Protein backbone atom coordinates (compact mmCIF):
# COMPACT_ATOMS: atom_id res chain seq x y z
CA UNK A 1 -0.84 52.31 -70.28
CA UNK A 2 2.62 53.81 -70.36
CA UNK A 3 1.40 56.68 -72.53
CA UNK A 4 -1.47 57.42 -70.15
CA UNK A 5 0.88 57.56 -67.16
CA UNK A 6 3.30 59.74 -69.10
CA UNK A 7 0.48 62.08 -70.18
CA UNK A 8 -0.67 62.35 -66.59
CA UNK A 9 2.75 63.37 -65.31
CA UNK A 10 3.29 65.82 -68.17
CA UNK A 11 -0.12 67.35 -67.49
CA UNK A 12 0.73 67.51 -63.80
CA UNK A 13 3.98 69.35 -64.51
CA UNK A 14 2.21 71.83 -66.82
CA UNK A 15 -0.30 72.49 -64.04
CA UNK A 16 2.24 74.79 -62.39
CA UNK A 17 2.58 76.96 -65.50
CA UNK A 18 -0.05 79.09 -67.18
CA UNK A 19 -0.38 76.81 -70.20
CA UNK A 20 -3.72 75.32 -71.15
CA UNK A 21 -2.04 71.94 -71.50
CA UNK A 22 -1.88 71.39 -67.75
CA UNK A 23 -4.50 69.87 -65.49
CA UNK A 24 -6.95 72.15 -63.77
CA UNK A 25 -6.56 72.99 -60.10
CA UNK A 26 -9.77 71.09 -59.35
CA UNK A 27 -8.42 67.90 -60.93
CA UNK A 28 -5.09 68.22 -59.18
CA UNK A 29 -6.76 68.85 -55.82
CA UNK A 30 -9.12 65.92 -56.32
CA UNK A 31 -6.20 63.65 -57.19
CA UNK A 32 -4.24 64.72 -54.11
CA UNK A 33 -7.29 64.18 -51.91
CA UNK A 34 -7.87 60.74 -53.37
CA UNK A 35 -4.25 59.79 -52.64
CA UNK A 36 -4.73 60.96 -49.07
CA UNK A 37 -8.00 59.09 -48.71
CA UNK A 38 -6.38 55.93 -50.09
CA UNK A 39 -3.53 56.19 -47.59
CA UNK A 40 -5.95 56.77 -44.69
CA UNK A 41 -8.03 53.77 -45.75
CA UNK A 42 -5.02 51.51 -45.94
CA UNK A 43 -3.68 52.69 -42.62
CA UNK A 44 -6.70 53.24 -40.38
CA UNK A 45 -9.91 51.73 -41.78
CA UNK A 46 -10.94 48.24 -40.72
CA UNK A 47 -14.24 46.37 -40.39
CA UNK A 48 -15.32 48.20 -37.24
CA UNK A 49 -15.14 51.71 -38.68
CA UNK A 50 -15.73 51.09 -42.39
CA UNK A 51 -19.25 52.59 -42.39
CA UNK A 52 -18.08 55.75 -40.64
CA UNK A 53 -15.21 56.09 -43.12
CA UNK A 54 -17.66 55.68 -46.00
CA UNK A 55 -19.90 58.47 -44.65
CA UNK A 56 -16.92 60.78 -44.23
CA UNK A 57 -15.67 59.98 -47.74
CA UNK A 58 -19.05 60.62 -49.33
CA UNK A 59 -19.45 63.90 -47.45
CA UNK A 60 -16.06 65.16 -48.59
CA UNK A 61 -16.70 64.07 -52.17
CA UNK A 62 -20.02 65.95 -52.18
CA UNK A 63 -18.30 69.01 -50.75
CA UNK A 64 -15.45 68.87 -53.24
CA UNK A 65 -17.75 68.44 -56.23
CA UNK A 66 -19.86 71.36 -55.11
CA UNK A 67 -23.03 69.28 -54.84
CA UNK A 68 -23.24 70.36 -51.21
CA UNK A 69 -21.81 73.56 -49.82
CA UNK A 70 -20.85 74.37 -46.27
CA UNK A 71 -23.73 76.85 -46.24
CA UNK A 72 -26.16 74.04 -47.13
CA UNK A 73 -24.85 71.87 -44.31
CA UNK A 74 -25.13 74.68 -41.76
CA UNK A 75 -28.64 75.53 -42.93
CA UNK A 76 -29.66 71.89 -42.73
CA UNK A 77 -28.29 71.55 -39.22
CA UNK A 78 -29.91 74.79 -38.02
CA UNK A 79 -33.23 74.12 -39.77
CA UNK A 80 -33.14 77.29 -41.89
CA UNK A 81 -34.26 75.51 -45.02
CA UNK A 82 -37.45 74.23 -43.42
CA UNK A 83 -38.28 77.71 -42.10
CA UNK A 84 -37.63 79.23 -45.53
CA UNK A 85 -40.05 76.78 -47.17
CA UNK A 86 -42.68 77.47 -44.51
CA UNK A 87 -42.33 81.22 -45.06
CA UNK A 88 -42.66 80.81 -48.84
CA UNK A 89 -45.85 78.76 -48.38
CA UNK A 90 -47.30 81.42 -46.07
CA UNK A 91 -46.45 84.15 -48.59
CA UNK A 92 -48.19 82.24 -51.39
CA UNK A 93 -51.27 81.68 -49.23
CA UNK A 94 -51.53 85.41 -48.44
CA UNK A 95 -51.59 86.40 -52.12
């Protein structure tokens, strides 16, 4: 356990240099976000708003992992994706 914690801090320090030994920016950002999320949960989340906090957490995780992009969310909200599919179906029918 001590070695793992030591390796984490050494990797974190090497993150700020150009060595390959350091953590990637994505890992460092994800770790910082998780610390922030943990603090917010401890401070502000209770039984009344737990579901809302869960939705917000899952949305940010999907955004950070790249599973969902801001462009996808805008297209979903505006209905562009449905129109695109309809146009593709019409194009296939006209062939």
